[in-house]
Amino acid sequence: MILLKAQRAAPGRIEILTALARVCCWTAIMLMQPALHPEDALTRADLAACQLEAGERSAGEANLRMALRGRPHMLGRATYALVQSSHGRFFLRQSAFAKFLHAERPESSTP
C-alpha cells in the first residue's frame, strides 16, 4: 500500500515503479507456487518468468524445463520467458538454446 501511495504522489519516479514491480513479482511467486499442479505447463511457465525476473534464476530455468518437457507447443513461451526477463538468457545459436532447454540440471555459467 505504501508503494501505491508513493506512486500516486510521484507518478514520474521510476524507482518507485521498479520497487512496485518487484513486489508484484514476489507476490505472484508466493501465490502461484503452492497451487501449482505438475501438469499445468502454462502456469509453470508464468511462474518461471516471475522467478527469472525476481532473480531466482535456477528455479526459473528449472520450471521452464519442466514446462517444456514433452510439450513442444511450449517452446515459444519458454523462449520468450528466457529472453524478455532482465535475469534471463539470450542465445546466439539455436542449437545452444535447444541444448540448454533439454539439460537435466541448471548449467553453471555466469549471467
PDB file of N, CA and C in Angstrom:
ATOM      1  N   MET A   1       0.808  -1.188   0.000  1.00  0.00           N
ATOM      2  CA  MET A   1       0.000   0.000   0.000  1.00  0.00           C
ATOM      3  C   MET A   1       0.858   1.262   0.000  1.00  0.00           C
ATOM      4  N   ILE A   2       1.961   1.232   0.707  1.00  0.00           N
ATOM      5  CA  ILE A   2       2.832   2.399   0.786  1.00  0.00           C
ATOM      6  C   ILE A   2       3.391   2.734  -0.595  1.00  0.00           C
ATOM      7  N   LEU A   3       3.805   1.700  -1.345  1.00  0.00           N
ATOM      8  CA  LEU A   3       4.349   1.946  -2.674  1.00  0.00           C
ATOM      9  C   LEU A   3       3.282   2.499  -3.623  1.00  0.00           C
ATOM     10  N   LEU A   4       2.062   2.032  -3.503  1.00  0.00           N
ATOM     11  CA  LEU A   4       0.985   2.557  -4.348  1.00  0.00           C
ATOM     12  C   LEU A   4       0.717   4.022  -4.042  1.00  0.00           C
ATOM     13  N   LYS A   5       0.736   4.366  -2.764  1.00  0.00           N
ATOM     14  CA  LYS A   5       0.538   5.769  -2.375  1.00  0.00           C
ATOM     15  C   LYS A   5       1.695   6.625  -2.887  1.00  0.00           C
ATOM     16  N   ALA A   6       2.906   6.104  -2.774  1.00  0.00           N
ATOM     17  CA  ALA A   6       4.079   6.844  -3.257  1.00  0.00           C
ATOM     18  C   ALA A   6       4.014   7.021  -4.771  1.00  0.00           C
ATOM     19  N   GLN A   7       3.554   6.006  -5.475  1.00  0.00           N
ATOM     20  CA  GLN A   7       3.454   6.085  -6.929  1.00  0.00           C
ATOM     21  C   GLN A   7       2.410   7.114  -7.345  1.00  0.00           C
ATOM     22  N   ARG A   8       1.303   7.187  -6.620  1.00  0.00           N
ATOM     23  CA  ARG A   8       0.280   8.188  -6.925  1.00  0.00           C
ATOM     24  C   ARG A   8       0.791   9.599  -6.635  1.00  0.00           C
ATOM     25  N   ALA A   9       1.573   9.734  -5.577  1.00  0.00           N
ATOM     26  CA  ALA A   9       2.092  11.050  -5.200  1.00  0.00           C
ATOM     27  C   ALA A   9       3.197  11.524  -6.150  1.00  0.00           C
ATOM     28  N   ALA A  10       3.977  10.597  -6.689  1.00  0.00           N
ATOM     29  CA  ALA A  10       5.092  10.948  -7.579  1.00  0.00           C
ATOM     30  C   ALA A  10       5.102   9.999  -8.771  1.00  0.00           C
ATOM     31  N   PRO A  11       4.150  10.158  -9.700  1.00  0.00           N
ATOM     32  CA  PRO A  11       3.999   9.198 -10.796  1.00  0.00           C
ATOM     33  C   PRO A  11       5.199   9.085 -11.740  1.00  0.00           C
ATOM     34  N   GLY A  12       6.075  10.059 -11.767  1.00  0.00           N
ATOM     35  CA  GLY A  12       7.209  10.007 -12.678  1.00  0.00           C
ATOM     36  C   GLY A  12       8.456   9.352 -12.115  1.00  0.00           C
ATOM     37  N   ARG A  13       8.419   8.904 -10.881  1.00  0.00           N
ATOM     38  CA  ARG A  13       9.605   8.336 -10.231  1.00  0.00           C
ATOM     39  C   ARG A  13       9.752   6.858 -10.597  1.00  0.00           C
ATOM     40  N   ILE A  14      10.735   6.574 -11.436  1.00  0.00           N
ATOM     41  CA  ILE A  14      10.938   5.213 -11.946  1.00  0.00           C
ATOM     42  C   ILE A  14      11.345   4.235 -10.846  1.00  0.00           C
ATOM     43  N   GLU A  15      12.059   4.700  -9.825  1.00  0.00           N
ATOM     44  CA  GLU A  15      12.477   3.784  -8.758  1.00  0.00           C
ATOM     45  C   GLU A  15      11.283   3.281  -7.945  1.00  0.00           C
ATOM     46  N   ILE A  16      10.224   4.077  -7.863  1.00  0.00           N
ATOM     47  CA  ILE A  16       9.015   3.619  -7.175  1.00  0.00           C
ATOM     48  C   ILE A  16       8.328   2.549  -8.013  1.00  0.00           C
ATOM     49  N   LEU A  17       8.254   2.766  -9.324  1.00  0.00           N
ATOM     50  CA  LEU A  17       7.654   1.767 -10.214  1.00  0.00           C
ATOM     51  C   LEU A  17       8.452   0.470 -10.215  1.00  0.00           C
ATOM     52  N   THR A  18       9.771   0.578 -10.180  1.00  0.00           N
ATOM     53  CA  THR A  18      10.625  -0.610 -10.146  1.00  0.00           C
ATOM     54  C   THR A  18      10.387  -1.409  -8.862  1.00  0.00           C
ATOM     55  N   ALA A  19      10.334  -0.715  -7.730  1.00  0.00           N
ATOM     56  CA  ALA A  19      10.076  -1.395  -6.457  1.00  0.00           C
ATOM     57  C   ALA A  19       8.697  -2.046  -6.461  1.00  0.00           C
ATOM     58  N   LEU A  20       7.720  -1.359  -7.006  1.00  0.00           N
ATOM     59  CA  LEU A  20       6.366  -1.906  -7.092  1.00  0.00           C
ATOM     60  C   LEU A  20       6.332  -3.153  -7.973  1.00  0.00           C
ATOM     61  N   ALA A  21       7.051  -3.129  -9.078  1.00  0.00           N
ATOM     62  CA  ALA A  21       7.113  -4.296  -9.969  1.00  0.00           C
ATOM     63  C   ALA A  21       7.757  -5.483  -9.268  1.00  0.00           C
ATOM     64  N   ARG A  22       8.814  -5.230  -8.504  1.00  0.00           N
ATOM     65  CA  ARG A  22       9.462  -6.326  -7.769  1.00  0.00           C
ATOM     66  C   ARG A  22       8.522  -6.944  -6.741  1.00  0.00           C
ATOM     67  N   VAL A  23       7.781  -6.122  -6.056  1.00  0.00           N
ATOM     68  CA  VAL A  23       6.808  -6.634  -5.089  1.00  0.00           C
ATOM     69  C   VAL A  23       5.763  -7.486  -5.805  1.00  0.00           C
ATOM     70  N   CYS A  24       5.319  -7.024  -6.971  1.00  0.00           N
ATOM     71  CA  CYS A  24       4.337  -7.794  -7.735  1.00  0.00           C
ATOM     72  C   CYS A  24       4.901  -9.153  -8.154  1.00  0.00           C
ATOM     73  N   CYS A  25       6.173  -9.193  -8.568  1.00  0.00           N
ATOM     74  CA  CYS A  25       6.812 -10.467  -8.940  1.00  0.00           C
ATOM     75  C   CYS A  25       6.845 -11.419  -7.750  1.00  0.00           C
ATOM     76  N   TRP A  26       7.288 -10.918  -6.609  1.00  0.00           N
ATOM     77  CA  TRP A  26       7.368 -11.780  -5.419  1.00  0.00           C
ATOM     78  C   TRP A  26       5.988 -12.253  -4.993  1.00  0.00           C
ATOM     79  N   THR A  27       4.988 -11.372  -5.089  1.00  0.00           N
ATOM     80  CA  THR A  27       3.626 -11.762  -4.735  1.00  0.00           C
ATOM     81  C   THR A  27       3.127 -12.854  -5.668  1.00  0.00           C
ATOM     82  N   ALA A  28       3.395 -12.702  -6.964  1.00  0.00           N
ATOM     83  CA  ALA A  28       2.975 -13.718  -7.935  1.00  0.00           C
ATOM     84  C   ALA A  28       3.631 -15.064  -7.622  1.00  0.00           C
ATOM     85  N   ILE A  29       4.901 -15.049  -7.287  1.00  0.00           N
ATOM     86  CA  ILE A  29       5.609 -16.294  -6.950  1.00  0.00           C
ATOM     87  C   ILE A  29       4.976 -16.952  -5.732  1.00  0.00           C
ATOM     88  N   MET A  30       4.720 -16.156  -4.710  1.00  0.00           N
ATOM     89  CA  MET A  30       4.156 -16.709  -3.473  1.00  0.00           C
ATOM     90  C   MET A  30       2.746 -17.263  -3.693  1.00  0.00           C
ATOM     91  N   LEU A  31       1.982 -16.663  -4.593  1.00  0.00           N
ATOM     92  CA  LEU A  31       0.622 -17.138  -4.854  1.00  0.00           C
ATOM     93  C   LEU A  31       0.586 -18.354  -5.766  1.00  0.00           C
ATOM     94  N   MET A  32       1.470 -18.403  -6.761  1.00  0.00           N
ATOM     95  CA  MET A  32       1.433 -19.484  -7.749  1.00  0.00           C
ATOM     96  C   MET A  32       2.056 -20.777  -7.246  1.00  0.00           C
ATOM     97  N   GLN A  33       3.154 -20.697  -6.512  1.00  0.00           N
ATOM     98  CA  GLN A  33       3.887 -21.906  -6.134  1.00  0.00           C
ATOM     99  C   GLN A  33       3.045 -22.937  -5.391  1.00  0.00           C
ATOM    100  N   PRO A  34       2.303 -22.560  -4.348  1.00  0.00           N
ATOM    101  CA  PRO A  34       1.556 -23.592  -3.618  1.00  0.00           C
ATOM    102  C   PRO A  34       0.440 -24.234  -4.434  1.00  0.00           C
ATOM    103  N   ALA A  35      -0.115 -23.525  -5.401  1.00  0.00           N
ATOM    104  CA  ALA A  35      -1.248 -24.033  -6.168  1.00  0.00           C
ATOM    105  C   ALA A  35      -0.837 -24.720  -7.461  1.00  0.00           C
ATOM    106  N   LEU A  36       0.447 -24.840  -7.713  1.00  0.00           N
ATOM    107  CA  LEU A  36       0.927 -25.366  -8.983  1.00  0.00           C
ATOM    108  C   LEU A  36       0.747 -26.883  -9.075  1.00  0.00           C
ATOM    109  N   HIS A  37       0.115 -27.309 -10.160  1.00  0.00           N
ATOM    110  CA  HIS A  37      -0.046 -28.733 -10.436  1.00  0.00           C
ATOM    111  C   HIS A  37       1.041 -29.159 -11.424  1.00  0.00           C
ATOM    112  N   PRO A  38       1.577 -30.368 -11.295  1.00  0.00           N
ATOM    113  CA  PRO A  38       2.667 -30.809 -12.177  1.00  0.00           C
ATOM    114  C   PRO A  38       2.331 -30.746 -13.661  1.00  0.00           C
ATOM    115  N   GLU A  39       1.083 -30.969 -14.017  1.00  0.00           N
ATOM    116  CA  GLU A  39       0.713 -30.989 -15.430  1.00  0.00           C
ATOM    117  C   GLU A  39       0.339 -29.607 -15.985  1.00  0.00           C
ATOM    118  N   ASP A  40       0.362 -28.586 -15.167  1.00  0.00           N
ATOM    119  CA  ASP A  40      -0.026 -27.243 -15.585  1.00  0.00           C
ATOM    120  C   ASP A  40       1.173 -26.485 -16.156  1.00  0.00           C
ATOM    121  N   ALA A  41       1.467 -26.735 -17.424  1.00  0.00           N
ATOM    122  CA  ALA A  41       2.651 -26.168 -18.067  1.00  0.00           C
ATOM    123  C   ALA A  41       2.556 -24.651 -18.229  1.00  0.00           C
ATOM    124  N   LEU A  42       1.378 -24.135 -18.520  1.00  0.00           N
ATOM    125  CA  LEU A  42       1.235 -22.693 -18.722  1.00  0.00           C
ATOM    126  C   LEU A  42       1.518 -21.913 -17.435  1.00  0.00           C
ATOM    127  N   THR A  43       0.958 -22.353 -16.335  1.00  0.00           N
ATOM    128  CA  THR A  43       1.199 -21.675 -15.062  1.00  0.00           C
ATOM    129  C   THR A  43       2.653 -21.844 -14.640  1.00  0.00           C
ATOM    130  N   ARG A  44       3.225 -23.010 -14.911  1.00  0.00           N
ATOM    131  CA  ARG A  44       4.634 -23.238 -14.579  1.00  0.00           C
ATOM    132  C   ARG A  44       5.534 -22.286 -15.376  1.00  0.00           C
ATOM    133  N   ALA A  45       5.213 -22.055 -16.636  1.00  0.00           N
ATOM    134  CA  ALA A  45       5.987 -21.119 -17.450  1.00  0.00           C
ATOM    135  C   ALA A  45       5.824 -19.689 -16.934  1.00  0.00           C
ATOM    136  N   ASP A  46       4.623 -19.325 -16.519  1.00  0.00           N
ATOM    137  CA  ASP A  46       4.405 -17.996 -15.937  1.00  0.00           C
ATOM    138  C   ASP A  46       5.173 -17.839 -14.631  1.00  0.00           C
ATOM    139  N   LEU A  47       5.146 -18.871 -13.806  1.00  0.00           N
ATOM    140  CA  LEU A  47       5.907 -18.854 -12.555  1.00  0.00           C
ATOM    141  C   LEU A  47       7.394 -18.707 -12.851  1.00  0.00           C
ATOM    142  N   ALA A  48       7.872 -19.423 -13.845  1.00  0.00           N
ATOM    143  CA  ALA A  48       9.286 -19.345 -14.221  1.00  0.00           C
ATOM    144  C   ALA A  48       9.664 -17.935 -14.648  1.00  0.00           C
ATOM    145  N   ALA A  49       8.791 -17.286 -15.418  1.00  0.00           N
ATOM    146  CA  ALA A  49       9.065 -15.909 -15.846  1.00  0.00           C
ATOM    147  C   ALA A  49       9.159 -14.982 -14.638  1.00  0.00           C
ATOM    148  N   CYS A  50       8.279 -15.155 -13.673  1.00  0.00           N
ATOM    149  CA  CYS A  50       8.330 -14.349 -12.446  1.00  0.00           C
ATOM    150  C   CYS A  50       9.612 -14.637 -11.664  1.00  0.00           C
ATOM    151  N   GLN A  51       9.979 -15.915 -11.574  1.00  0.00           N
ATOM    152  CA  GLN A  51      11.200 -16.275 -10.848  1.00  0.00           C
ATOM    153  C   GLN A  51      12.437 -15.671 -11.517  1.00  0.00           C
ATOM    154  N   LEU A  52      12.489 -15.728 -12.829  1.00  0.00           N
ATOM    155  CA  LEU A  52      13.619 -15.127 -13.537  1.00  0.00           C
ATOM    156  C   LEU A  52      13.687 -13.633 -13.271  1.00  0.00           C
ATOM    157  N   GLU A  53      12.558 -12.977 -13.343  1.00  0.00           N
ATOM    158  CA  GLU A  53      12.525 -11.528 -13.127  1.00  0.00           C
ATOM    159  C   GLU A  53      12.917 -11.178 -11.690  1.00  0.00           C
ATOM    160  N   ALA A  54      12.581 -12.038 -10.757  1.00  0.00           N
ATOM    161  CA  ALA A  54      12.912 -11.788  -9.349  1.00  0.00           C
ATOM    162  C   ALA A  54      14.348 -12.183  -9.023  1.00  0.00           C
ATOM    163  N   GLY A  55      15.071 -12.713  -9.993  1.00  0.00           N
ATOM    164  CA  GLY A  55      16.463 -13.094  -9.765  1.00  0.00           C
ATOM    165  C   GLY A  55      16.650 -14.520  -9.296  1.00  0.00           C
ATOM    166  N   GLU A  56      15.581 -15.296  -9.249  1.00  0.00           N
ATOM    167  CA  GLU A  56      15.655 -16.710  -8.859  1.00  0.00           C
ATOM    168  C   GLU A  56      15.910 -17.523 -10.126  1.00  0.00           C
ATOM    169  N   ARG A  57      17.096 -17.358 -10.655  1.00  0.00           N
ATOM    170  CA  ARG A  57      17.422 -17.901 -11.975  1.00  0.00           C
ATOM    171  C   ARG A  57      17.368 -19.429 -12.038  1.00  0.00           C
ATOM    172  N   SER A  58      17.964 -20.099 -11.093  1.00  0.00           N
ATOM    173  CA  SER A  58      17.978 -21.572 -11.116  1.00  0.00           C
ATOM    174  C   SER A  58      16.570 -22.142 -11.063  1.00  0.00           C
ATOM    175  N   ALA A  59      15.748 -21.598 -10.170  1.00  0.00           N
ATOM    176  CA  ALA A  59      14.373 -22.083 -10.047  1.00  0.00           C
ATOM    177  C   ALA A  59      13.577 -21.775 -11.307  1.00  0.00           C
ATOM    178  N   GLY A  60      13.764 -20.585 -11.867  1.00  0.00           N
ATOM    179  CA  GLY A  60      13.059 -20.214 -13.087  1.00  0.00           C
ATOM    180  C   GLY A  60      13.427 -21.100 -14.262  1.00  0.00           C
ATOM    181  N   GLU A  61      14.726 -21.355 -14.410  1.00  0.00           N
ATOM    182  CA  GLU A  61      15.178 -22.217 -15.504  1.00  0.00           C
ATOM    183  C   GLU A  61      14.675 -23.640 -15.329  1.00  0.00           C
ATOM    184  N   ALA A  62      14.688 -24.137 -14.099  1.00  0.00           N
ATOM    185  CA  ALA A  62      14.188 -25.493 -13.843  1.00  0.00           C
ATOM    186  C   ALA A  62      12.703 -25.593 -14.165  1.00  0.00           C
ATOM    187  N   ASN A  63      11.935 -24.581 -13.792  1.00  0.00           N
ATOM    188  CA  ASN A  63      10.500 -24.603 -14.090  1.00  0.00           C
ATOM    189  C   ASN A  63      10.227 -24.477 -15.581  1.00  0.00           C
ATOM    190  N   LEU A  64      11.049 -23.737 -16.312  1.00  0.00           N
ATOM    191  CA  LEU A  64      10.879 -23.680 -17.770  1.00  0.00           C
ATOM    192  C   LEU A  64      11.140 -25.034 -18.407  1.00  0.00           C
ATOM    193  N   ARG A  65      12.174 -25.704 -17.934  1.00  0.00           N
ATOM    194  CA  ARG A  65      12.461 -27.039 -18.477  1.00  0.00           C
ATOM    195  C   ARG A  65      11.309 -27.999 -18.194  1.00  0.00           C
ATOM    196  N   MET A  66      10.751 -27.930 -16.991  1.00  0.00           N
ATOM    197  CA  MET A  66       9.632 -28.817 -16.647  1.00  0.00           C
ATOM    198  C   MET A  66       8.386 -28.464 -17.461  1.00  0.00           C
ATOM    199  N   ALA A  67       8.174 -27.182 -17.735  1.00  0.00           N
ATOM    200  CA  ALA A  67       7.024 -26.770 -18.545  1.00  0.00           C
ATOM    201  C   ALA A  67       7.157 -27.269 -19.983  1.00  0.00           C
ATOM    202  N   LEU A  68       8.377 -27.283 -20.483  1.00  0.00           N
ATOM    203  CA  LEU A  68       8.621 -27.688 -21.865  1.00  0.00           C
ATOM    204  C   LEU A  68       8.641 -29.198 -22.053  1.00  0.00           C
ATOM    205  N   ARG A  69       9.055 -29.937 -21.038  1.00  0.00           N
ATOM    206  CA  ARG A  69       9.241 -31.381 -21.140  1.00  0.00           C
ATOM    207  C   ARG A  69       8.009 -32.077 -21.719  1.00  0.00           C
ATOM    208  N   GLY A  70       8.184 -32.635 -22.909  1.00  0.00           N
ATOM    209  CA  GLY A  70       7.109 -33.380 -23.561  1.00  0.00           C
ATOM    210  C   GLY A  70       6.034 -32.491 -24.175  1.00  0.00           C
ATOM    211  N   ARG A  71       6.257 -31.188 -24.218  1.00  0.00           N
ATOM    212  CA  ARG A  71       5.260 -30.258 -24.750  1.00  0.00           C
ATOM    213  C   ARG A  71       5.917 -29.304 -25.749  1.00  0.00           C
ATOM    214  N   PRO A  72       6.124 -29.725 -26.971  1.00  0.00           N
ATOM    215  CA  PRO A  72       6.799 -28.859 -27.948  1.00  0.00           C
ATOM    216  C   PRO A  72       6.062 -27.549 -28.200  1.00  0.00           C
ATOM    217  N   HIS A  73       4.754 -27.515 -27.945  1.00  0.00           N
ATOM    218  CA  HIS A  73       3.994 -26.279 -28.148  1.00  0.00           C
ATOM    219  C   HIS A  73       4.382 -25.185 -27.147  1.00  0.00           C
ATOM    220  N   MET A  74       5.124 -25.533 -26.099  1.00  0.00           N
ATOM    221  CA  MET A  74       5.554 -24.563 -25.081  1.00  0.00           C
ATOM    222  C   MET A  74       6.880 -23.901 -25.439  1.00  0.00           C
ATOM    223  N   LEU A  75       7.482 -24.270 -26.559  1.00  0.00           N
ATOM    224  CA  LEU A  75       8.788 -23.735 -26.931  1.00  0.00           C
ATOM    225  C   LEU A  75       8.782 -22.209 -27.063  1.00  0.00           C
ATOM    226  N   GLY A  76       7.763 -21.657 -27.679  1.00  0.00           N
ATOM    227  CA  GLY A  76       7.673 -20.206 -27.853  1.00  0.00           C
ATOM    228  C   GLY A  76       7.588 -19.482 -26.525  1.00  0.00           C
ATOM    229  N   ARG A  77       6.764 -20.000 -25.633  1.00  0.00           N
ATOM    230  CA  ARG A  77       6.604 -19.359 -24.325  1.00  0.00           C
ATOM    231  C   ARG A  77       7.894 -19.451 -23.508  1.00  0.00           C
ATOM    232  N   ALA A  78       8.572 -20.595 -23.569  1.00  0.00           N
ATOM    233  CA  ALA A  78       9.839 -20.755 -22.854  1.00  0.00           C
ATOM    234  C   ALA A  78      10.899 -19.810 -23.412  1.00  0.00           C
ATOM    235  N   THR A  79      10.958 -19.688 -24.720  1.00  0.00           N
ATOM    236  CA  THR A  79      11.904 -18.777 -25.360  1.00  0.00           C
ATOM    237  C   THR A  79      11.639 -17.348 -24.926  1.00  0.00           C
ATOM    238  N   TYR A  80      10.400 -16.943 -24.963  1.00  0.00           N
ATOM    239  CA  TYR A  80      10.038 -15.584 -24.584  1.00  0.00           C
ATOM    240  C   TYR A  80      10.397 -15.305 -23.125  1.00  0.00           C
ATOM    241  N   ALA A  81      10.105 -16.238 -22.239  1.00  0.00           N
ATOM    242  CA  ALA A  81      10.409 -16.040 -20.815  1.00  0.00           C
ATOM    243  C   ALA A  81      11.903 -15.871 -20.581  1.00  0.00           C
ATOM    244  N   LEU A  82      12.707 -16.650 -21.279  1.00  0.00           N
ATOM    245  CA  LEU A  82      14.155 -16.544 -21.105  1.00  0.00           C
ATOM    246  C   LEU A  82      14.716 -15.235 -21.655  1.00  0.00           C
ATOM    247  N   VAL A  83      14.216 -14.799 -22.776  1.00  0.00           N
ATOM    248  CA  VAL A  83      14.782 -13.636 -23.450  1.00  0.00           C
ATOM    249  C   VAL A  83      14.270 -12.317 -22.868  1.00  0.00           C
ATOM    250  N   GLN A  84      13.013 -12.250 -22.491  1.00  0.00           N
ATOM    251  CA  GLN A  84      12.444 -10.983 -22.049  1.00  0.00           C
ATOM    252  C   GLN A  84      12.815 -10.602 -20.626  1.00  0.00           C
ATOM    253  N   SER A  85      13.182 -11.545 -19.815  1.00  0.00           N
ATOM    254  CA  SER A  85      13.492 -11.258 -18.417  1.00  0.00           C
ATOM    255  C   SER A  85      14.833 -10.548 -18.271  1.00  0.00           C
ATOM    256  N   SER A  86      14.895  -9.625 -17.329  1.00  0.00           N
ATOM    257  CA  SER A  86      16.161  -8.935 -17.082  1.00  0.00           C
ATOM    258  C   SER A  86      17.204  -9.885 -16.488  1.00  0.00           C
ATOM    259  N   HIS A  87      16.760 -11.009 -15.954  1.00  0.00           N
ATOM    260  CA  HIS A  87      17.679 -12.013 -15.405  1.00  0.00           C
ATOM    261  C   HIS A  87      17.627 -13.305 -16.211  1.00  0.00           C
ATOM    262  N   GLY A  88      17.198 -13.224 -17.443  1.00  0.00           N
ATOM    263  CA  GLY A  88      17.069 -14.396 -18.300  1.00  0.00           C
ATOM    264  C   GLY A  88      18.349 -14.654 -19.085  1.00  0.00           C
ATOM    265  N   ARG A  89      18.204 -15.286 -20.215  1.00  0.00           N
ATOM    266  CA  ARG A  89      19.343 -15.625 -21.069  1.00  0.00           C
ATOM    267  C   ARG A  89      18.997 -15.321 -22.509  1.00  0.00           C
ATOM    268  N   PHE A  90      20.039 -15.077 -23.283  1.00  0.00           N
ATOM    269  CA  PHE A  90      19.884 -14.862 -24.711  1.00  0.00           C
ATOM    270  C   PHE A  90      20.886 -15.755 -25.422  1.00  0.00           C
ATOM    271  N   PHE A  91      20.448 -16.482 -26.446  1.00  0.00           N
ATOM    272  CA  PHE A  91      21.305 -17.418 -27.154  1.00  0.00           C
ATOM    273  C   PHE A  91      21.497 -16.964 -28.590  1.00  0.00           C
ATOM    274  N   LEU A  92      22.727 -17.017 -29.061  1.00  0.00           N
ATOM    275  CA  LEU A  92      23.010 -16.638 -30.441  1.00  0.00           C
ATOM    276  C   LEU A  92      22.828 -17.807 -31.398  1.00  0.00           C
ATOM    277  N   ARG A  93      22.963 -19.023 -30.881  1.00  0.00           N
ATOM    278  CA  ARG A  93      22.792 -20.201 -31.742  1.00  0.00           C
ATOM    279  C   ARG A  93      21.575 -20.996 -31.280  1.00  0.00           C
ATOM    280  N   GLN A  94      20.762 -21.404 -32.231  1.00  0.00           N
ATOM    281  CA  GLN A  94      19.571 -22.179 -31.917  1.00  0.00           C
ATOM    282  C   GLN A  94      19.938 -23.503 -31.246  1.00  0.00           C
ATOM    283  N   SER A  95      21.053 -24.107 -31.649  1.00  0.00           N
ATOM    284  CA  SER A  95      21.463 -25.383 -31.065  1.00  0.00           C
ATOM    285  C   SER A  95      21.834 -25.213 -29.589  1.00  0.00           C
ATOM    286  N   ALA A  96      22.424 -24.086 -29.231  1.00  0.00           N
ATOM    287  CA  ALA A  96      22.762 -23.830 -27.827  1.00  0.00           C
ATOM    288  C   ALA A  96      21.495 -23.685 -26.996  1.00  0.00           C
ATOM    289  N   PHE A  97      20.478 -23.043 -27.564  1.00  0.00           N
ATOM    290  CA  PHE A  97      19.206 -22.895 -26.876  1.00  0.00           C
ATOM    291  C   PHE A  97      18.540 -24.253 -26.660  1.00  0.00           C
ATOM    292  N   ALA A  98      18.519 -25.077 -27.691  1.00  0.00           N
ATOM    293  CA  ALA A  98      17.924 -26.411 -27.587  1.00  0.00           C
ATOM    294  C   ALA A  98      18.659 -27.255 -26.543  1.00  0.00           C
ATOM    295  N   LYS A  99      19.971 -27.182 -26.545  1.00  0.00           N
ATOM    296  CA  LYS A  99      20.766 -27.931 -25.563  1.00  0.00           C
ATOM    297  C   LYS A  99      20.452 -27.459 -24.148  1.00  0.00           C
ATOM    298  N   PHE A 100      20.333 -26.151 -23.953  1.00  0.00           N
ATOM    299  CA  PHE A 100      20.019 -25.588 -22.641  1.00  0.00           C
ATOM    300  C   PHE A 100      18.666 -26.073 -22.135  1.00  0.00           C
ATOM    301  N   LEU A 101      17.646 -26.035 -22.993  1.00  0.00           N
ATOM    302  CA  LEU A 101      16.309 -26.425 -22.566  1.00  0.00           C
ATOM    303  C   LEU A 101      16.197 -27.908 -22.250  1.00  0.00           C
ATOM    304  N   HIS A 102      16.988 -28.725 -22.904  1.00  0.00           N
ATOM    305  CA  HIS A 102      16.896 -30.160 -22.681  1.00  0.00           C
ATOM    306  C   HIS A 102      17.853 -30.663 -21.615  1.00  0.00           C
ATOM    307  N   ALA A 103      18.608 -29.771 -21.000  1.00  0.00           N
ATOM    308  CA  ALA A 103      19.530 -30.161 -19.929  1.00  0.00           C
ATOM    309  C   ALA A 103      18.713 -30.617 -18.728  1.00  0.00           C
ATOM    310  N   GLU A 104      19.219 -31.579 -18.021  1.00  0.00           N
ATOM    311  CA  GLU A 104      18.519 -32.103 -16.856  1.00  0.00           C
ATOM    312  C   GLU A 104      18.757 -31.262 -15.608  1.00  0.00           C
ATOM    313  N   ARG A 105      19.859 -30.569 -15.552  1.00  0.00           N
ATOM    314  CA  ARG A 105      20.167 -29.727 -14.389  1.00  0.00           C
ATOM    315  C   ARG A 105      20.634 -28.366 -14.886  1.00  0.00           C
ATOM    316  N   PRO A 106      20.463 -27.323 -14.066  1.00  0.00           N
ATOM    317  CA  PRO A 106      20.887 -25.995 -14.490  1.00  0.00           C
ATOM    318  C   PRO A 106      22.377 -25.950 -14.777  1.00  0.00           C
ATOM    319  N   GLU A 107      22.733 -25.201 -15.817  1.00  0.00           N
ATOM    320  CA  GLU A 107      24.131 -25.038 -16.166  1.00  0.00           C
ATOM    321  C   GLU A 107      24.768 -24.036 -15.216  1.00  0.00           C
ATOM    322  N   SER A 108      26.033 -24.209 -14.961  1.00  0.00           N
ATOM    323  CA  SER A 108      26.725 -23.279 -14.082  1.00  0.00           C
ATOM    324  C   SER A 108      27.542 -22.304 -14.903  1.00  0.00           C
ATOM    325  N   SER A 109      26.850 -21.339 -15.473  1.00  0.00           N
ATOM    326  CA  SER A 109      27.524 -20.310 -16.240  1.00  0.00           C
ATOM    327  C   SER A 109      27.168 -18.955 -15.661  1.00  0.00           C
ATOM    328  N   THR A 110      27.935 -17.971 -15.997  1.00  0.00           N
ATOM    329  CA  THR A 110      27.682 -16.642 -15.469  1.00  0.00           C
ATOM    330  C   THR A 110      26.580 -15.964 -16.258  1.00  0.00           C
ATOM    331  N   PRO A 111      25.851 -15.033 -15.641  1.00  0.00           N
ATOM    332  CA  PRO A 111      24.742 -14.352 -16.315  1.00  0.00           C
ATOM    333  C   PRO A 111      25.185 -13.523 -17.476  1.00  0.00           C
TER     334      PRO A 111
END
